Amino acid sequence: MSERNIAGSATAAVMSQLVSFYTSLAPFMILAAVLIIVDCRFGVRAARRRKDVIRVSRMWRRSFNKLIDYFSWITVAGVFGSVFGEFLGLPVLSFGILLVVYGIELSSIFSNYFASRGIDKKINVFKLLGKSKLADIIEDTKENKK
């Protein structure tokens, strides 16, 4: 009976720490889910415009793979933020990691959006960090440069 109590206590101690850790990261997980849904929607529209065959199983598989990837990156960002602490009251390292990951997804969303509308442009979200004009971050795609 005491082995059950020890196992139950150890499980409760570990799980309470995990729940506390992931509760603080919940907004980032919700944002990741929203970005994945939006990217999937515009990706399907872009594929229809290109007259590609849309396989629902592939769409779900890629969406779930992205969800798992984002869960992993959010966990890494949270661990780095916990281990290295906060600088000036902000978890700078965590925000940096998530900024890169979400920036890549935003670039994908904009590419799929423009492809679904038949516009041969793409947006480099990372140029927003150094540029002040929105027109500087819009680039032509490879097909348009030929």
N, C-alpha and C. Protein backbone atom coordinates (compact mmCIF):
# COMPACT_ATOMS: atom_id res chain seq x y z
N MET A 1 0.82 -1.19 0.00
CA MET A 1 0.00 0.00 0.00
C MET A 1 0.86 1.26 0.00
N SER A 2 1.99 1.23 0.71
CA SER A 2 2.83 2.43 0.77
C SER A 2 3.50 2.70 -0.57
N GLU A 3 3.71 1.63 -1.38
CA GLU A 3 4.29 1.85 -2.70
C GLU A 3 3.32 2.61 -3.59
N ARG A 4 2.05 2.35 -3.43
CA ARG A 4 1.04 3.08 -4.19
C ARG A 4 1.02 4.55 -3.78
N ASN A 5 1.14 4.81 -2.52
CA ASN A 5 1.15 6.18 -2.03
C ASN A 5 2.38 6.93 -2.53
N ILE A 6 3.51 6.26 -2.55
CA ILE A 6 4.74 6.89 -3.04
C ILE A 6 4.63 7.17 -4.53
N ALA A 7 4.14 6.21 -5.29
CA ALA A 7 3.97 6.40 -6.73
C ALA A 7 2.95 7.49 -7.03
N GLY A 8 1.86 7.49 -6.30
CA GLY A 8 0.84 8.52 -6.49
C GLY A 8 1.35 9.90 -6.13
N SER A 9 2.09 9.99 -5.05
CA SER A 9 2.66 11.28 -4.64
C SER A 9 3.68 11.79 -5.64
N ALA A 10 4.52 10.90 -6.13
CA ALA A 10 5.53 11.30 -7.12
C ALA A 10 4.86 11.75 -8.41
N THR A 11 3.85 11.02 -8.84
CA THR A 11 3.12 11.40 -10.05
C THR A 11 2.44 12.75 -9.88
N ALA A 12 1.83 12.97 -8.74
CA ALA A 12 1.16 14.25 -8.48
C ALA A 12 2.16 15.40 -8.47
N ALA A 13 3.33 15.18 -7.88
CA ALA A 13 4.34 16.23 -7.82
C ALA A 13 4.85 16.59 -9.22
N VAL A 14 5.10 15.58 -10.03
CA VAL A 14 5.60 15.83 -11.39
C VAL A 14 4.52 16.47 -12.25
N MET A 15 3.31 15.93 -12.17
CA MET A 15 2.23 16.45 -13.00
C MET A 15 1.86 17.88 -12.64
N SER A 16 1.92 18.23 -11.36
CA SER A 16 1.58 19.61 -10.97
C SER A 16 2.61 20.59 -11.55
N GLN A 17 3.86 20.19 -11.60
CA GLN A 17 4.88 21.04 -12.21
C GLN A 17 4.66 21.18 -13.72
N LEU A 18 4.32 20.07 -14.38
CA LEU A 18 4.07 20.12 -15.83
C LEU A 18 2.85 20.97 -16.15
N VAL A 19 1.79 20.80 -15.37
CA VAL A 19 0.57 21.58 -15.61
C VAL A 19 0.86 23.07 -15.41
N SER A 20 1.60 23.39 -14.38
CA SER A 20 1.97 24.79 -14.13
C SER A 20 2.82 25.35 -15.26
N PHE A 21 3.77 24.55 -15.73
CA PHE A 21 4.66 24.98 -16.82
C PHE A 21 3.87 25.25 -18.10
N TYR A 22 3.01 24.30 -18.48
CA TYR A 22 2.28 24.45 -19.74
C TYR A 22 1.12 25.44 -19.63
N THR A 23 0.62 25.69 -18.45
CA THR A 23 -0.43 26.70 -18.29
C THR A 23 0.11 28.08 -18.64
N SER A 24 1.34 28.34 -18.28
CA SER A 24 1.93 29.64 -18.61
C SER A 24 2.20 29.77 -20.11
N LEU A 25 2.28 28.65 -20.81
CA LEU A 25 2.54 28.67 -22.25
C LEU A 25 1.26 28.53 -23.09
N ALA A 26 0.12 28.48 -22.45
CA ALA A 26 -1.15 28.26 -23.16
C ALA A 26 -1.43 29.31 -24.24
N PRO A 27 -1.18 30.61 -24.02
CA PRO A 27 -1.46 31.57 -25.09
C PRO A 27 -0.63 31.30 -26.36
N PHE A 28 0.59 30.84 -26.18
CA PHE A 28 1.43 30.54 -27.34
C PHE A 28 0.92 29.31 -28.08
N MET A 29 0.37 28.36 -27.36
CA MET A 29 -0.19 27.17 -28.00
C MET A 29 -1.47 27.51 -28.75
N ILE A 30 -2.27 28.38 -28.18
CA ILE A 30 -3.50 28.81 -28.87
C ILE A 30 -3.14 29.57 -30.14
N LEU A 31 -2.14 30.45 -30.05
CA LEU A 31 -1.69 31.18 -31.24
C LEU A 31 -1.17 30.22 -32.31
N ALA A 32 -0.43 29.20 -31.90
CA ALA A 32 0.07 28.21 -32.86
C ALA A 32 -1.08 27.49 -33.55
N ALA A 33 -2.10 27.11 -32.80
CA ALA A 33 -3.25 26.41 -33.39
C ALA A 33 -3.97 27.32 -34.38
N VAL A 34 -4.13 28.58 -34.05
CA VAL A 34 -4.79 29.52 -34.96
C VAL A 34 -3.98 29.69 -36.24
N LEU A 35 -2.66 29.84 -36.10
CA LEU A 35 -1.81 30.00 -37.28
C LEU A 35 -1.85 28.76 -38.17
N ILE A 36 -1.89 27.59 -37.57
CA ILE A 36 -1.95 26.35 -38.35
C ILE A 36 -3.27 26.27 -39.11
N ILE A 37 -4.37 26.63 -38.48
CA ILE A 37 -5.68 26.59 -39.14
C ILE A 37 -5.72 27.57 -40.30
N VAL A 38 -5.22 28.78 -40.09
CA VAL A 38 -5.22 29.79 -41.15
C VAL A 38 -4.33 29.35 -42.31
N ASP A 39 -3.14 28.81 -41.99
CA ASP A 39 -2.24 28.35 -43.04
C ASP A 39 -2.86 27.20 -43.82
N CYS A 40 -3.55 26.31 -43.13
CA CYS A 40 -4.21 25.19 -43.81
C CYS A 40 -5.30 25.69 -44.75
N ARG A 41 -6.07 26.65 -44.28
CA ARG A 41 -7.15 27.18 -45.12
C ARG A 41 -6.61 27.82 -46.39
N PHE A 42 -5.61 28.69 -46.25
CA PHE A 42 -5.07 29.34 -47.43
C PHE A 42 -4.26 28.36 -48.29
N GLY A 43 -3.66 27.36 -47.67
CA GLY A 43 -2.94 26.34 -48.43
C GLY A 43 -3.87 25.54 -49.32
N VAL A 44 -5.04 25.19 -48.80
CA VAL A 44 -6.03 24.46 -49.60
C VAL A 44 -6.54 25.34 -50.73
N ARG A 45 -6.77 26.61 -50.45
CA ARG A 45 -7.23 27.53 -51.51
C ARG A 45 -6.17 27.68 -52.60
N ALA A 46 -4.89 27.78 -52.19
CA ALA A 46 -3.81 27.91 -53.17
C ALA A 46 -3.71 26.64 -54.02
N ALA A 47 -3.87 25.47 -53.39
CA ALA A 47 -3.81 24.21 -54.13
C ALA A 47 -4.97 24.11 -55.12
N ARG A 48 -6.15 24.58 -54.73
CA ARG A 48 -7.29 24.57 -55.66
C ARG A 48 -7.02 25.49 -56.84
N ARG A 49 -6.42 26.63 -56.58
CA ARG A 49 -6.12 27.57 -57.66
C ARG A 49 -5.11 26.96 -58.64
N ARG A 50 -4.14 26.20 -58.09
CA ARG A 50 -3.14 25.54 -58.96
C ARG A 50 -3.70 24.28 -59.60
N LYS A 51 -4.93 23.92 -59.21
CA LYS A 51 -5.61 22.71 -59.70
C LYS A 51 -4.87 21.44 -59.27
N ASP A 52 -4.29 21.48 -58.06
CA ASP A 52 -3.66 20.30 -57.48
C ASP A 52 -4.74 19.41 -56.88
N VAL A 53 -4.41 18.13 -56.77
CA VAL A 53 -5.30 17.20 -56.10
C VAL A 53 -5.16 17.42 -54.59
N ILE A 54 -6.27 17.65 -53.93
CA ILE A 54 -6.26 17.89 -52.49
C ILE A 54 -6.63 16.59 -51.79
N ARG A 55 -5.66 16.05 -51.07
CA ARG A 55 -5.90 14.84 -50.30
C ARG A 55 -6.11 15.24 -48.85
N VAL A 56 -7.28 14.93 -48.35
CA VAL A 56 -7.66 15.33 -46.99
C VAL A 56 -6.74 14.66 -45.97
N SER A 57 -6.36 13.42 -46.22
CA SER A 57 -5.49 12.74 -45.25
C SER A 57 -4.13 13.43 -45.15
N ARG A 58 -3.63 13.89 -46.26
CA ARG A 58 -2.34 14.60 -46.24
C ARG A 58 -2.49 15.95 -45.53
N MET A 59 -3.60 16.62 -45.76
CA MET A 59 -3.84 17.90 -45.09
C MET A 59 -3.86 17.71 -43.57
N TRP A 60 -4.57 16.70 -43.08
CA TRP A 60 -4.64 16.45 -41.64
C TRP A 60 -3.27 16.04 -41.09
N ARG A 61 -2.57 15.18 -41.83
CA ARG A 61 -1.26 14.73 -41.37
C ARG A 61 -0.29 15.89 -41.25
N ARG A 62 -0.26 16.76 -42.25
CA ARG A 62 0.64 17.91 -42.20
C ARG A 62 0.25 18.88 -41.09
N SER A 63 -1.05 19.05 -40.87
CA SER A 63 -1.51 19.94 -39.80
C SER A 63 -1.13 19.39 -38.44
N PHE A 64 -1.32 18.09 -38.23
CA PHE A 64 -0.95 17.50 -36.95
C PHE A 64 0.56 17.51 -36.75
N ASN A 65 1.32 17.29 -37.83
CA ASN A 65 2.78 17.37 -37.72
C ASN A 65 3.21 18.78 -37.31
N LYS A 66 2.57 19.79 -37.88
CA LYS A 66 2.88 21.17 -37.50
C LYS A 66 2.53 21.42 -36.04
N LEU A 67 1.38 20.89 -35.62
CA LEU A 67 0.96 21.08 -34.23
C LEU A 67 1.98 20.46 -33.27
N ILE A 68 2.46 19.28 -33.59
CA ILE A 68 3.47 18.63 -32.75
C ILE A 68 4.78 19.42 -32.80
N ASP A 69 5.17 19.89 -33.98
CA ASP A 69 6.39 20.70 -34.09
C ASP A 69 6.28 21.97 -33.25
N TYR A 70 5.15 22.65 -33.32
CA TYR A 70 4.98 23.88 -32.54
C TYR A 70 4.94 23.59 -31.05
N PHE A 71 4.30 22.49 -30.66
CA PHE A 71 4.31 22.10 -29.26
C PHE A 71 5.74 21.89 -28.78
N SER A 72 6.55 21.26 -29.62
CA SER A 72 7.96 21.05 -29.27
C SER A 72 8.71 22.37 -29.16
N TRP A 73 8.53 23.27 -30.13
CA TRP A 73 9.23 24.55 -30.10
C TRP A 73 8.77 25.42 -28.92
N ILE A 74 7.48 25.36 -28.61
CA ILE A 74 6.98 26.12 -27.46
C ILE A 74 7.57 25.56 -26.17
N THR A 75 7.70 24.24 -26.10
CA THR A 75 8.33 23.64 -24.93
C THR A 75 9.79 24.06 -24.82
N VAL A 76 10.51 24.03 -25.92
CA VAL A 76 11.91 24.47 -25.91
C VAL A 76 12.02 25.93 -25.48
N ALA A 77 11.15 26.77 -26.02
CA ALA A 77 11.17 28.18 -25.64
C ALA A 77 10.86 28.36 -24.16
N GLY A 78 9.90 27.62 -23.65
CA GLY A 78 9.56 27.70 -22.24
C GLY A 78 10.69 27.23 -21.35
N VAL A 79 11.36 26.15 -21.75
CA VAL A 79 12.49 25.64 -20.97
C VAL A 79 13.63 26.65 -20.97
N PHE A 80 13.95 27.20 -22.13
CA PHE A 80 15.01 28.20 -22.20
C PHE A 80 14.67 29.42 -21.35
N GLY A 81 13.40 29.82 -21.39
CA GLY A 81 12.98 30.95 -20.57
C GLY A 81 13.09 30.65 -19.09
N SER A 82 12.77 29.41 -18.69
CA SER A 82 12.87 29.03 -17.29
C SER A 82 14.31 28.87 -16.83
N VAL A 83 15.13 28.28 -17.69
CA VAL A 83 16.52 28.01 -17.31
C VAL A 83 17.34 29.29 -17.27
N PHE A 84 17.23 30.11 -18.28
CA PHE A 84 18.06 31.30 -18.37
C PHE A 84 17.43 32.53 -17.73
N GLY A 85 16.21 32.38 -17.25
CA GLY A 85 15.58 33.47 -16.52
C GLY A 85 15.07 34.57 -17.42
N GLU A 86 14.61 35.59 -16.78
CA GLU A 86 14.07 36.74 -17.50
C GLU A 86 15.06 37.89 -17.44
N PHE A 87 15.14 38.63 -18.52
CA PHE A 87 16.02 39.78 -18.60
C PHE A 87 15.14 41.02 -18.75
N LEU A 88 15.26 41.94 -17.84
CA LEU A 88 14.46 43.16 -17.81
C LEU A 88 12.96 42.88 -17.71
N GLY A 89 12.61 41.81 -17.01
CA GLY A 89 11.21 41.50 -16.80
C GLY A 89 10.51 40.81 -17.96
N LEU A 90 11.23 40.52 -19.03
CA LEU A 90 10.66 39.84 -20.20
C LEU A 90 11.47 38.58 -20.49
N PRO A 91 10.80 37.49 -20.83
CA PRO A 91 11.54 36.30 -21.23
C PRO A 91 12.07 36.46 -22.66
N VAL A 92 13.19 37.15 -22.79
CA VAL A 92 13.73 37.55 -24.09
C VAL A 92 14.06 36.34 -24.96
N LEU A 93 14.71 35.34 -24.40
CA LEU A 93 15.10 34.18 -25.19
C LEU A 93 13.88 33.41 -25.68
N SER A 94 12.88 33.26 -24.83
CA SER A 94 11.65 32.58 -25.24
C SER A 94 10.96 33.32 -26.38
N PHE A 95 10.86 34.64 -26.23
CA PHE A 95 10.23 35.44 -27.28
C PHE A 95 11.04 35.37 -28.57
N GLY A 96 12.35 35.35 -28.47
CA GLY A 96 13.19 35.26 -29.67
C GLY A 96 12.96 33.97 -30.43
N ILE A 97 12.92 32.85 -29.70
CA ILE A 97 12.69 31.56 -30.34
C ILE A 97 11.31 31.52 -31.00
N LEU A 98 10.30 31.97 -30.26
CA LEU A 98 8.94 31.93 -30.80
C LEU A 98 8.74 32.94 -31.93
N LEU A 99 9.47 34.04 -31.89
CA LEU A 99 9.40 35.02 -32.98
C LEU A 99 9.88 34.40 -34.29
N VAL A 100 10.96 33.64 -34.23
CA VAL A 100 11.47 32.97 -35.43
C VAL A 100 10.48 31.92 -35.93
N VAL A 101 9.97 31.09 -35.02
CA VAL A 101 9.06 30.01 -35.41
C VAL A 101 7.76 30.58 -35.98
N TYR A 102 7.17 31.56 -35.29
CA TYR A 102 5.93 32.15 -35.79
C TYR A 102 6.17 33.00 -37.02
N GLY A 103 7.34 33.58 -37.16
CA GLY A 103 7.66 34.34 -38.37
C GLY A 103 7.67 33.46 -39.61
N ILE A 104 8.21 32.25 -39.45
CA ILE A 104 8.22 31.30 -40.55
C ILE A 104 6.79 30.92 -40.94
N GLU A 105 5.95 30.71 -39.95
CA GLU A 105 4.55 30.35 -40.23
C GLU A 105 3.80 31.52 -40.87
N LEU A 106 4.05 32.72 -40.41
CA LEU A 106 3.40 33.89 -41.02
C LEU A 106 3.83 34.06 -42.47
N SER A 107 5.10 33.82 -42.77
CA SER A 107 5.56 33.88 -44.16
C SER A 107 4.83 32.85 -45.01
N SER A 108 4.63 31.66 -44.46
CA SER A 108 3.89 30.62 -45.17
C SER A 108 2.45 31.03 -45.40
N ILE A 109 1.83 31.62 -44.39
CA ILE A 109 0.44 32.06 -44.52
C ILE A 109 0.32 33.11 -45.62
N PHE A 110 1.20 34.10 -45.61
CA PHE A 110 1.14 35.13 -46.64
C PHE A 110 1.41 34.57 -48.03
N SER A 111 2.35 33.63 -48.15
CA SER A 111 2.62 33.01 -49.45
C SER A 111 1.41 32.26 -49.96
N ASN A 112 0.77 31.49 -49.08
CA ASN A 112 -0.43 30.76 -49.49
C ASN A 112 -1.59 31.70 -49.81
N TYR A 113 -1.71 32.78 -49.05
CA TYR A 113 -2.77 33.75 -49.32
C TYR A 113 -2.59 34.37 -50.70
N PHE A 114 -1.37 34.82 -50.99
CA PHE A 114 -1.12 35.44 -52.29
C PHE A 114 -1.29 34.42 -53.42
N ALA A 115 -0.85 33.18 -53.20
CA ALA A 115 -1.01 32.15 -54.23
C ALA A 115 -2.49 31.85 -54.46
N SER A 116 -3.30 31.89 -53.40
CA SER A 116 -4.73 31.62 -53.56
C SER A 116 -5.42 32.74 -54.31
N ARG A 117 -4.85 33.93 -54.29
CA ARG A 117 -5.42 35.08 -55.01
C ARG A 117 -4.79 35.27 -56.38
N GLY A 118 -3.78 34.47 -56.72
CA GLY A 118 -3.12 34.60 -58.01
C GLY A 118 -2.11 35.74 -58.07
N ILE A 119 -1.63 36.18 -56.93
CA ILE A 119 -0.65 37.27 -56.85
C ILE A 119 0.74 36.66 -56.73
N ASP A 120 1.65 37.07 -57.59
CA ASP A 120 3.01 36.53 -57.59
C ASP A 120 3.92 37.34 -56.68
N LYS A 121 3.60 37.39 -55.43
CA LYS A 121 4.40 38.11 -54.44
C LYS A 121 4.55 37.24 -53.20
N LYS A 122 5.53 37.59 -52.39
CA LYS A 122 5.67 36.96 -51.08
C LYS A 122 6.11 38.03 -50.09
N ILE A 123 5.88 37.76 -48.83
CA ILE A 123 6.26 38.69 -47.78
C ILE A 123 7.30 38.03 -46.90
N ASN A 124 8.39 38.73 -46.70
CA ASN A 124 9.42 38.27 -45.78
C ASN A 124 9.17 38.98 -44.44
N VAL A 125 8.58 38.26 -43.52
CA VAL A 125 8.18 38.83 -42.23
C VAL A 125 9.39 39.31 -41.44
N PHE A 126 10.54 38.68 -41.63
CA PHE A 126 11.73 39.03 -40.86
C PHE A 126 12.30 40.38 -41.25
N LYS A 127 11.95 40.87 -42.44
CA LYS A 127 12.40 42.20 -42.83
C LYS A 127 11.66 43.30 -42.07
N LEU A 128 10.55 42.94 -41.42
CA LEU A 128 9.83 43.92 -40.60
C LEU A 128 10.69 44.42 -39.44
N LEU A 129 11.61 43.60 -38.99
CA LEU A 129 12.45 43.98 -37.85
C LEU A 129 13.40 45.12 -38.20
N GLY A 130 13.82 45.20 -39.45
CA GLY A 130 14.79 46.22 -39.83
C GLY A 130 14.24 47.33 -40.71
N LYS A 131 13.09 47.14 -41.29
CA LYS A 131 12.53 48.11 -42.22
C LYS A 131 11.35 48.83 -41.58
N SER A 132 11.14 50.05 -42.02
CA SER A 132 10.00 50.79 -41.50
C SER A 132 8.85 50.85 -42.50
N LYS A 133 9.13 50.59 -43.77
CA LYS A 133 8.09 50.66 -44.79
C LYS A 133 7.57 49.26 -45.10
N LEU A 134 6.26 49.15 -45.21
CA LEU A 134 5.65 47.87 -45.54
C LEU A 134 6.00 47.43 -46.96
N ALA A 135 6.20 48.38 -47.85
CA ALA A 135 6.52 48.05 -49.24
C ALA A 135 7.89 47.38 -49.36
N ASP A 136 8.77 47.57 -48.39
CA ASP A 136 10.11 46.97 -48.46
C ASP A 136 10.10 45.48 -48.14
N ILE A 137 9.06 44.98 -47.51
CA ILE A 137 9.05 43.57 -47.16
C ILE A 137 8.36 42.71 -48.21
N ILE A 138 7.72 43.30 -49.20
CA ILE A 138 7.04 42.56 -50.26
C ILE A 138 8.03 42.31 -51.38
N GLU A 139 8.16 41.03 -51.76
CA GLU A 139 9.12 40.63 -52.78
C GLU A 139 8.40 39.88 -53.89
N ASP A 140 9.01 39.88 -55.08
CA ASP A 140 8.47 39.08 -56.17
C ASP A 140 8.86 37.63 -55.96
N THR A 141 8.01 36.72 -56.44
CA THR A 141 8.35 35.31 -56.37
C THR A 141 9.26 34.96 -57.53
N LYS A 142 9.83 33.75 -57.49
CA LYS A 142 10.77 33.32 -58.53
C LYS A 142 10.13 33.29 -59.91
N GLU A 143 8.85 32.88 -59.97
CA GLU A 143 8.17 32.79 -61.26
C GLU A 143 8.04 34.17 -61.90
N ASN A 144 7.86 35.20 -61.09
CA ASN A 144 7.68 36.55 -61.60
C ASN A 144 9.01 37.17 -62.04
N LYS A 145 10.13 36.69 -61.48
CA LYS A 145 11.43 37.28 -61.81
C LYS A 145 11.97 36.78 -63.15
N LYS A 146 11.43 35.67 -63.69
CA LYS A 146 11.98 35.09 -64.94
C LYS A 146 11.72 35.92 -66.12
